[in-house]
Amino acid sequence: MAGLTHFDGKGDAHMVDVSDKAVTSRVAIAQGYIKMAPETFDMITEGRAKKGDVLSVARLAGIMGAKKTPELIPLCHPLPITKVAVELTTDATLPGVRIEATVKTTGQTGVEMEALTAVSTAALTVYDMVKAVDKAMEIGGIRVILKDGGKSGRYEAL
């Protein structure tokens, strides 16, 4: 288990001790998408979904998801999140919605999991809001595209 920080010397899962890490500014950006039928895409972009404004509700859900990450992911630290921004962009070429979440903190550990959770929660909310008309939607491409701050420095996806 060498190199895996969430396992102790015996191989048991544990929460990493970050108390000796420096407090630094940290940011993570994640992205993903939800593909759907053209008719579902039209319904969302034209504001005809029966449950309401799909993109606004999904944006709020993504923000809430970032804030609830340590309640969902067992070994995540609760963090003082200083910013969560979730952007949902309709894309007729999918057809569907592209989602990007930016999360910031000043702390001793990064916010990659919070950014990933924000994207996932937003995508699941889009699905929930229109599943009555399109059960075949596909959620995918969820990944970290930027991480900065802390000892490991900057990572940018290619």
N, C-alpha and C. Protein backbone atom coordinates (compact mmCIF):
# COMPACT_ATOMS: atom_id res chain seq x y z
N MET A 1 0.83 -1.19 0.00
CA MET A 1 0.00 0.00 0.00
C MET A 1 0.87 1.26 0.00
N ALA A 2 2.14 1.11 -0.32
CA ALA A 2 3.06 2.25 -0.32
C ALA A 2 2.55 3.33 -1.26
N GLY A 3 2.57 4.57 -0.80
CA GLY A 3 2.15 5.70 -1.61
C GLY A 3 0.67 6.01 -1.49
N LEU A 4 -0.12 5.13 -0.91
CA LEU A 4 -1.54 5.38 -0.71
C LEU A 4 -1.74 5.92 0.70
N THR A 5 -2.02 7.21 0.80
CA THR A 5 -2.05 7.86 2.10
C THR A 5 -3.26 7.52 2.96
N HIS A 6 -4.29 6.94 2.39
CA HIS A 6 -5.48 6.61 3.18
C HIS A 6 -5.41 5.20 3.80
N PHE A 7 -4.23 4.59 3.76
CA PHE A 7 -4.03 3.29 4.39
C PHE A 7 -2.85 3.37 5.33
N ASP A 8 -2.98 2.75 6.51
CA ASP A 8 -1.87 2.75 7.47
C ASP A 8 -0.93 1.60 7.15
N GLY A 9 0.07 1.40 7.99
CA GLY A 9 1.07 0.37 7.77
C GLY A 9 0.51 -1.04 7.72
N LYS A 10 -0.63 -1.27 8.35
CA LYS A 10 -1.28 -2.59 8.35
C LYS A 10 -2.22 -2.77 7.16
N GLY A 11 -2.43 -1.69 6.39
CA GLY A 11 -3.34 -1.77 5.26
C GLY A 11 -4.76 -1.38 5.60
N ASP A 12 -4.97 -0.87 6.81
CA ASP A 12 -6.31 -0.43 7.23
C ASP A 12 -6.56 1.00 6.77
N ALA A 13 -7.78 1.28 6.34
CA ALA A 13 -8.15 2.63 5.93
C ALA A 13 -8.17 3.55 7.14
N HIS A 14 -7.71 4.79 6.93
CA HIS A 14 -7.74 5.80 7.99
C HIS A 14 -7.77 7.19 7.37
N MET A 15 -8.20 8.16 8.15
CA MET A 15 -8.17 9.55 7.71
C MET A 15 -6.75 10.06 7.89
N VAL A 16 -6.21 10.67 6.85
CA VAL A 16 -4.85 11.17 6.87
C VAL A 16 -4.71 12.31 7.88
N ASP A 17 -3.63 12.30 8.63
CA ASP A 17 -3.34 13.39 9.58
C ASP A 17 -2.68 14.52 8.80
N VAL A 18 -3.38 15.65 8.68
CA VAL A 18 -2.85 16.79 7.93
C VAL A 18 -2.37 17.90 8.86
N SER A 19 -2.30 17.62 10.16
CA SER A 19 -1.97 18.67 11.13
C SER A 19 -0.59 19.28 10.93
N ASP A 20 0.35 18.56 10.35
CA ASP A 20 1.69 19.11 10.11
C ASP A 20 1.84 19.76 8.74
N LYS A 21 0.80 19.72 7.91
CA LYS A 21 0.87 20.33 6.59
C LYS A 21 0.70 21.84 6.70
N ALA A 22 1.32 22.54 5.78
CA ALA A 22 1.20 24.00 5.75
C ALA A 22 -0.20 24.41 5.28
N VAL A 23 -0.69 25.50 5.82
CA VAL A 23 -1.94 26.09 5.35
C VAL A 23 -1.62 26.89 4.10
N THR A 24 -2.22 26.52 2.99
CA THR A 24 -1.98 27.21 1.72
C THR A 24 -3.30 27.42 1.00
N SER A 25 -3.28 28.33 0.04
CA SER A 25 -4.44 28.52 -0.84
C SER A 25 -4.50 27.34 -1.79
N ARG A 26 -5.69 26.80 -1.95
CA ARG A 26 -5.86 25.63 -2.80
C ARG A 26 -7.08 25.80 -3.68
N VAL A 27 -7.00 25.26 -4.88
CA VAL A 27 -8.11 25.32 -5.81
C VAL A 27 -8.16 24.01 -6.59
N ALA A 28 -9.36 23.61 -6.94
CA ALA A 28 -9.54 22.46 -7.83
C ALA A 28 -10.68 22.77 -8.78
N ILE A 29 -10.52 22.34 -10.02
CA ILE A 29 -11.57 22.47 -11.03
C ILE A 29 -11.83 21.07 -11.58
N ALA A 30 -13.10 20.70 -11.62
CA ALA A 30 -13.51 19.42 -12.19
C ALA A 30 -14.54 19.68 -13.28
N GLN A 31 -14.69 18.71 -14.16
CA GLN A 31 -15.66 18.84 -15.24
C GLN A 31 -16.33 17.50 -15.49
N GLY A 32 -17.43 17.56 -16.21
CA GLY A 32 -18.16 16.38 -16.61
C GLY A 32 -19.28 16.78 -17.55
N TYR A 33 -20.12 15.83 -17.91
CA TYR A 33 -21.23 16.14 -18.81
C TYR A 33 -22.38 15.18 -18.55
N ILE A 34 -23.53 15.56 -19.06
CA ILE A 34 -24.68 14.65 -19.13
C ILE A 34 -25.25 14.75 -20.54
N LYS A 35 -25.26 13.60 -21.23
CA LYS A 35 -25.81 13.52 -22.59
C LYS A 35 -27.26 13.08 -22.51
N MET A 36 -28.04 13.53 -23.47
CA MET A 36 -29.48 13.24 -23.47
C MET A 36 -30.02 13.24 -24.88
N ALA A 37 -31.27 12.85 -25.00
CA ALA A 37 -31.95 12.88 -26.29
C ALA A 37 -32.14 14.33 -26.73
N PRO A 38 -32.14 14.58 -28.04
CA PRO A 38 -32.34 15.95 -28.52
C PRO A 38 -33.62 16.59 -27.99
N GLU A 39 -34.68 15.81 -27.83
CA GLU A 39 -35.94 16.36 -27.32
C GLU A 39 -35.80 16.81 -25.85
N THR A 40 -35.04 16.07 -25.09
CA THR A 40 -34.80 16.44 -23.69
C THR A 40 -33.95 17.70 -23.63
N PHE A 41 -32.94 17.77 -24.48
CA PHE A 41 -32.10 18.97 -24.57
C PHE A 41 -32.95 20.19 -24.89
N ASP A 42 -33.83 20.05 -25.87
CA ASP A 42 -34.72 21.16 -26.24
C ASP A 42 -35.62 21.57 -25.07
N MET A 43 -36.14 20.60 -24.37
CA MET A 43 -37.01 20.89 -23.23
C MET A 43 -36.25 21.72 -22.17
N ILE A 44 -35.01 21.35 -21.90
CA ILE A 44 -34.21 22.08 -20.91
C ILE A 44 -33.89 23.48 -21.41
N THR A 45 -33.42 23.59 -22.64
CA THR A 45 -33.00 24.90 -23.15
C THR A 45 -34.18 25.85 -23.36
N GLU A 46 -35.35 25.29 -23.60
CA GLU A 46 -36.55 26.11 -23.79
C GLU A 46 -37.30 26.35 -22.47
N GLY A 47 -36.79 25.80 -21.36
CA GLY A 47 -37.42 26.01 -20.06
C GLY A 47 -38.75 25.33 -19.88
N ARG A 48 -38.94 24.16 -20.53
CA ARG A 48 -40.23 23.48 -20.47
C ARG A 48 -40.27 22.30 -19.50
N ALA A 49 -39.24 22.11 -18.67
CA ALA A 49 -39.23 20.98 -17.73
C ALA A 49 -40.28 21.21 -16.64
N LYS A 50 -41.05 20.18 -16.36
CA LYS A 50 -42.15 20.32 -15.39
C LYS A 50 -41.67 20.62 -13.99
N LYS A 51 -40.46 20.20 -13.64
CA LYS A 51 -39.95 20.44 -12.29
C LYS A 51 -39.34 21.82 -12.13
N GLY A 52 -39.22 22.59 -13.22
CA GLY A 52 -38.69 23.95 -13.11
C GLY A 52 -37.40 24.16 -13.87
N ASP A 53 -36.66 25.18 -13.48
CA ASP A 53 -35.42 25.59 -14.13
C ASP A 53 -34.31 24.59 -13.81
N VAL A 54 -34.10 23.66 -14.71
CA VAL A 54 -33.18 22.55 -14.50
C VAL A 54 -31.77 23.04 -14.19
N LEU A 55 -31.26 23.98 -14.96
CA LEU A 55 -29.87 24.41 -14.79
C LEU A 55 -29.66 25.16 -13.48
N SER A 56 -30.62 25.99 -13.08
CA SER A 56 -30.48 26.71 -11.81
C SER A 56 -30.51 25.76 -10.62
N VAL A 57 -31.42 24.80 -10.66
CA VAL A 57 -31.51 23.84 -9.56
C VAL A 57 -30.25 22.99 -9.51
N ALA A 58 -29.76 22.55 -10.66
CA ALA A 58 -28.54 21.74 -10.71
C ALA A 58 -27.33 22.52 -10.20
N ARG A 59 -27.26 23.80 -10.52
CA ARG A 59 -26.16 24.65 -10.03
C ARG A 59 -26.16 24.69 -8.50
N LEU A 60 -27.33 24.93 -7.93
CA LEU A 60 -27.43 24.96 -6.46
C LEU A 60 -27.11 23.59 -5.85
N ALA A 61 -27.57 22.54 -6.48
CA ALA A 61 -27.27 21.19 -5.99
C ALA A 61 -25.77 20.92 -6.02
N GLY A 62 -25.09 21.37 -7.08
CA GLY A 62 -23.64 21.20 -7.16
C GLY A 62 -22.92 21.93 -6.03
N ILE A 63 -23.35 23.14 -5.74
CA ILE A 63 -22.76 23.90 -4.64
C ILE A 63 -22.99 23.16 -3.32
N MET A 64 -24.21 22.69 -3.11
CA MET A 64 -24.52 21.94 -1.89
C MET A 64 -23.69 20.65 -1.82
N GLY A 65 -23.52 19.99 -2.95
CA GLY A 65 -22.73 18.76 -2.98
C GLY A 65 -21.30 18.99 -2.54
N ALA A 66 -20.69 20.08 -3.01
CA ALA A 66 -19.32 20.39 -2.60
C ALA A 66 -19.25 20.56 -1.09
N LYS A 67 -20.22 21.25 -0.53
CA LYS A 67 -20.24 21.53 0.90
C LYS A 67 -20.49 20.27 1.74
N LYS A 68 -21.16 19.27 1.16
CA LYS A 68 -21.50 18.04 1.88
C LYS A 68 -20.51 16.90 1.63
N THR A 69 -19.45 17.14 0.90
CA THR A 69 -18.52 16.08 0.51
C THR A 69 -18.03 15.24 1.69
N PRO A 70 -17.59 15.82 2.82
CA PRO A 70 -17.11 14.96 3.90
C PRO A 70 -18.20 14.08 4.53
N GLU A 71 -19.46 14.40 4.27
CA GLU A 71 -20.54 13.54 4.76
C GLU A 71 -20.78 12.36 3.82
N LEU A 72 -20.30 12.48 2.58
CA LEU A 72 -20.51 11.44 1.56
C LEU A 72 -19.30 10.55 1.34
N ILE A 73 -18.12 11.13 1.41
CA ILE A 73 -16.87 10.40 1.15
C ILE A 73 -16.20 10.17 2.51
N PRO A 74 -16.14 8.93 2.98
CA PRO A 74 -15.77 8.65 4.36
C PRO A 74 -14.45 9.25 4.86
N LEU A 75 -13.43 9.33 4.05
CA LEU A 75 -12.13 9.78 4.55
C LEU A 75 -11.78 11.22 4.19
N CYS A 76 -12.76 11.98 3.69
CA CYS A 76 -12.53 13.39 3.37
C CYS A 76 -12.59 14.23 4.65
N HIS A 77 -11.71 15.21 4.72
CA HIS A 77 -11.72 16.14 5.84
C HIS A 77 -12.79 17.21 5.62
N PRO A 78 -13.48 17.63 6.68
CA PRO A 78 -14.34 18.81 6.56
C PRO A 78 -13.44 20.03 6.37
N LEU A 79 -13.74 20.83 5.38
CA LEU A 79 -12.87 21.97 5.04
C LEU A 79 -13.63 23.28 5.07
N PRO A 80 -12.93 24.36 5.38
CA PRO A 80 -13.56 25.69 5.27
C PRO A 80 -13.54 26.16 3.82
N ILE A 81 -14.53 25.76 3.07
CA ILE A 81 -14.58 26.12 1.65
C ILE A 81 -14.82 27.62 1.54
N THR A 82 -14.01 28.28 0.72
CA THR A 82 -14.13 29.73 0.55
C THR A 82 -14.85 30.10 -0.74
N LYS A 83 -14.94 29.16 -1.70
CA LYS A 83 -15.65 29.44 -2.95
C LYS A 83 -16.09 28.14 -3.59
N VAL A 84 -17.32 28.14 -4.10
CA VAL A 84 -17.79 27.08 -4.99
C VAL A 84 -18.52 27.76 -6.13
N ALA A 85 -18.09 27.50 -7.35
CA ALA A 85 -18.77 28.01 -8.54
C ALA A 85 -19.05 26.82 -9.44
N VAL A 86 -20.30 26.69 -9.85
CA VAL A 86 -20.70 25.59 -10.74
C VAL A 86 -21.31 26.21 -11.99
N GLU A 87 -20.70 25.89 -13.13
CA GLU A 87 -21.18 26.40 -14.41
C GLU A 87 -21.77 25.25 -15.21
N LEU A 88 -22.98 25.45 -15.70
CA LEU A 88 -23.64 24.47 -16.56
C LEU A 88 -23.85 25.11 -17.92
N THR A 89 -23.32 24.49 -18.94
CA THR A 89 -23.38 25.04 -20.29
C THR A 89 -24.07 24.04 -21.21
N THR A 90 -25.14 24.48 -21.84
CA THR A 90 -25.81 23.58 -22.78
C THR A 90 -24.94 23.43 -24.02
N ASP A 91 -24.91 22.22 -24.57
CA ASP A 91 -24.08 21.92 -25.73
C ASP A 91 -24.89 21.04 -26.69
N ALA A 92 -25.33 21.66 -27.78
CA ALA A 92 -26.16 20.95 -28.76
C ALA A 92 -25.40 19.82 -29.44
N THR A 93 -24.06 19.86 -29.45
CA THR A 93 -23.30 18.80 -30.10
C THR A 93 -23.29 17.51 -29.30
N LEU A 94 -23.58 17.56 -28.00
CA LEU A 94 -23.63 16.31 -27.22
C LEU A 94 -24.83 15.46 -27.64
N PRO A 95 -26.04 15.84 -27.64
CA PRO A 95 -26.62 17.00 -26.97
C PRO A 95 -26.66 16.77 -25.46
N GLY A 96 -26.53 17.88 -24.72
CA GLY A 96 -26.56 17.77 -23.28
C GLY A 96 -26.02 19.00 -22.59
N VAL A 97 -25.51 18.77 -21.39
CA VAL A 97 -25.03 19.86 -20.55
C VAL A 97 -23.62 19.54 -20.09
N ARG A 98 -22.72 20.48 -20.29
CA ARG A 98 -21.36 20.37 -19.77
C ARG A 98 -21.33 21.08 -18.42
N ILE A 99 -20.63 20.49 -17.47
CA ILE A 99 -20.61 21.00 -16.10
C ILE A 99 -19.17 21.20 -15.68
N GLU A 100 -18.91 22.36 -15.07
CA GLU A 100 -17.58 22.65 -14.52
C GLU A 100 -17.75 23.24 -13.13
N ALA A 101 -16.98 22.74 -12.18
CA ALA A 101 -17.04 23.23 -10.81
C ALA A 101 -15.65 23.67 -10.36
N THR A 102 -15.60 24.84 -9.74
CA THR A 102 -14.38 25.38 -9.15
C THR A 102 -14.60 25.48 -7.66
N VAL A 103 -13.66 24.93 -6.90
CA VAL A 103 -13.74 24.99 -5.44
C VAL A 103 -12.42 25.52 -4.90
N LYS A 104 -12.51 26.44 -3.93
CA LYS A 104 -11.33 27.02 -3.31
C LYS A 104 -11.40 26.89 -1.79
N THR A 105 -10.22 26.84 -1.18
CA THR A 105 -10.09 26.88 0.27
C THR A 105 -8.71 27.39 0.62
N THR A 106 -8.54 27.74 1.86
CA THR A 106 -7.22 27.98 2.43
C THR A 106 -7.13 26.98 3.57
N GLY A 107 -6.30 25.98 3.38
CA GLY A 107 -6.26 24.92 4.38
C GLY A 107 -5.07 24.02 4.21
N GLN A 108 -5.19 22.84 4.84
CA GLN A 108 -4.08 21.89 4.88
C GLN A 108 -4.26 20.69 3.95
N THR A 109 -5.34 20.68 3.21
CA THR A 109 -5.56 19.61 2.24
C THR A 109 -6.39 20.17 1.08
N GLY A 110 -6.34 19.48 -0.04
CA GLY A 110 -6.95 20.00 -1.26
C GLY A 110 -8.44 19.79 -1.36
N VAL A 111 -9.02 20.34 -2.43
CA VAL A 111 -10.46 20.33 -2.63
C VAL A 111 -10.88 19.61 -3.92
N GLU A 112 -10.05 18.66 -4.35
CA GLU A 112 -10.40 17.90 -5.55
C GLU A 112 -11.70 17.13 -5.37
N MET A 113 -11.86 16.50 -4.23
CA MET A 113 -13.07 15.70 -3.99
C MET A 113 -14.31 16.58 -3.97
N GLU A 114 -14.19 17.78 -3.44
CA GLU A 114 -15.32 18.69 -3.41
C GLU A 114 -15.71 19.12 -4.82
N ALA A 115 -14.72 19.38 -5.68
CA ALA A 115 -15.02 19.76 -7.06
C ALA A 115 -15.66 18.60 -7.82
N LEU A 116 -15.14 17.39 -7.63
CA LEU A 116 -15.72 16.21 -8.28
C LEU A 116 -17.15 15.95 -7.79
N THR A 117 -17.38 16.13 -6.50
CA THR A 117 -18.71 15.92 -5.94
C THR A 117 -19.68 16.97 -6.46
N ALA A 118 -19.22 18.20 -6.61
CA ALA A 118 -20.08 19.26 -7.15
C ALA A 118 -20.54 18.90 -8.56
N VAL A 119 -19.62 18.46 -9.41
CA VAL A 119 -19.97 18.08 -10.79
C VAL A 119 -20.93 16.89 -10.78
N SER A 120 -20.62 15.89 -9.99
CA SER A 120 -21.46 14.69 -9.92
C SER A 120 -22.87 15.03 -9.45
N THR A 121 -22.97 15.83 -8.40
CA THR A 121 -24.27 16.19 -7.85
C THR A 121 -25.09 17.02 -8.84
N ALA A 122 -24.44 17.94 -9.53
CA ALA A 122 -25.14 18.73 -10.55
C ALA A 122 -25.66 17.83 -11.67
N ALA A 123 -24.82 16.90 -12.13
CA ALA A 123 -25.24 15.99 -13.21
C ALA A 123 -26.40 15.10 -12.75
N LEU A 124 -26.32 14.58 -11.55
CA LEU A 124 -27.40 13.75 -11.02
C LEU A 124 -28.69 14.53 -10.87
N THR A 125 -28.58 15.80 -10.55
CA THR A 125 -29.77 16.64 -10.42
C THR A 125 -30.43 16.88 -11.77
N VAL A 126 -29.62 17.12 -12.80
CA VAL A 126 -30.19 17.24 -14.15
C VAL A 126 -30.95 15.96 -14.48
N TYR A 127 -30.31 14.82 -14.22
CA TYR A 127 -30.97 13.54 -14.49
C TYR A 127 -32.29 13.44 -13.74
N ASP A 128 -32.25 13.75 -12.45
CA ASP A 128 -33.46 13.64 -11.63
C ASP A 128 -34.59 14.52 -12.15
N MET A 129 -34.25 15.70 -12.61
CA MET A 129 -35.28 16.65 -13.00
C MET A 129 -35.98 16.30 -14.31
N VAL A 130 -35.32 15.51 -15.16
CA VAL A 130 -35.93 15.19 -16.46
C VAL A 130 -35.99 13.69 -16.75
N LYS A 131 -35.74 12.87 -15.76
CA LYS A 131 -35.75 11.42 -15.97
C LYS A 131 -37.11 10.88 -16.41
N ALA A 132 -38.18 11.59 -16.10
CA ALA A 132 -39.50 11.14 -16.50
C ALA A 132 -39.64 11.08 -18.02
N VAL A 133 -38.86 11.89 -18.74
CA VAL A 133 -38.96 11.90 -20.20
C VAL A 133 -37.75 11.26 -20.88
N ASP A 134 -36.66 10.98 -20.12
CA ASP A 134 -35.45 10.45 -20.75
C ASP A 134 -34.64 9.66 -19.72
N LYS A 135 -34.93 8.38 -19.61
CA LYS A 135 -34.20 7.53 -18.66
C LYS A 135 -32.84 7.07 -19.21
N ALA A 136 -32.59 7.31 -20.48
CA ALA A 136 -31.37 6.83 -21.11
C ALA A 136 -30.22 7.85 -21.07
N MET A 137 -30.37 8.92 -20.30
CA MET A 137 -29.29 9.92 -20.23
C MET A 137 -28.01 9.27 -19.73
N GLU A 138 -26.88 9.84 -20.15
CA GLU A 138 -25.56 9.30 -19.80
C GLU A 138 -24.74 10.37 -19.11
N ILE A 139 -24.25 10.06 -17.93
CA ILE A 139 -23.35 10.96 -17.19
C ILE A 139 -21.94 10.44 -17.40
N GLY A 140 -21.01 11.32 -17.72
CA GLY A 140 -19.64 10.86 -17.95
C GLY A 140 -18.61 11.97 -17.93
N GLY A 141 -17.38 11.55 -18.19
CA GLY A 141 -16.27 12.47 -18.33
C GLY A 141 -15.90 13.22 -17.06
N ILE A 142 -16.32 12.72 -15.90
CA ILE A 142 -16.06 13.46 -14.66
C ILE A 142 -14.60 13.26 -14.26
N ARG A 143 -13.89 14.40 -14.17
CA ARG A 143 -12.46 14.34 -13.84
C ARG A 143 -11.98 15.69 -13.34
N VAL A 144 -10.85 15.65 -12.66
CA VAL A 144 -10.18 16.88 -12.22
C VAL A 144 -9.38 17.40 -13.40
N ILE A 145 -9.56 18.66 -13.73
CA ILE A 145 -8.78 19.24 -14.83
C ILE A 145 -7.73 20.23 -14.32
N LEU A 146 -7.86 20.67 -13.06
CA LEU A 146 -6.85 21.54 -12.47
C LEU A 146 -6.87 21.37 -10.96
N LYS A 147 -5.69 21.33 -10.39
CA LYS A 147 -5.51 21.31 -8.95
C LYS A 147 -4.28 22.13 -8.67
N ASP A 148 -4.36 23.05 -7.72
CA ASP A 148 -3.21 23.87 -7.39
C ASP A 148 -3.17 24.12 -5.90
N GLY A 149 -1.95 24.24 -5.37
CA GLY A 149 -1.74 24.50 -3.96
C GLY A 149 -1.25 23.27 -3.24
N GLY A 150 -0.64 23.49 -2.11
CA GLY A 150 -0.12 22.38 -1.32
C GLY A 150 1.23 21.91 -1.79
N LYS A 151 1.75 20.90 -1.11
CA LYS A 151 3.10 20.39 -1.35
C LYS A 151 3.26 19.83 -2.76
N SER A 152 2.22 19.18 -3.28
CA SER A 152 2.36 18.55 -4.60
C SER A 152 2.27 19.55 -5.75
N GLY A 153 1.90 20.80 -5.44
CA GLY A 153 1.92 21.85 -6.47
C GLY A 153 0.74 21.80 -7.43
N ARG A 154 1.03 22.12 -8.67
CA ARG A 154 0.00 22.31 -9.69
C ARG A 154 -0.13 21.08 -10.58
N TYR A 155 -1.36 20.72 -10.88
CA TYR A 155 -1.67 19.66 -11.85
C TYR A 155 -2.68 20.25 -12.83
N GLU A 156 -2.43 20.07 -14.11
CA GLU A 156 -3.39 20.45 -15.15
C GLU A 156 -3.54 19.28 -16.10
N ALA A 157 -4.78 18.88 -16.36
CA ALA A 157 -5.05 17.81 -17.30
C ALA A 157 -4.71 18.25 -18.71
N LEU A 158 -4.32 17.32 -19.50
CA LEU A 158 -3.98 17.63 -20.90
C LEU A 158 -5.21 17.71 -21.74
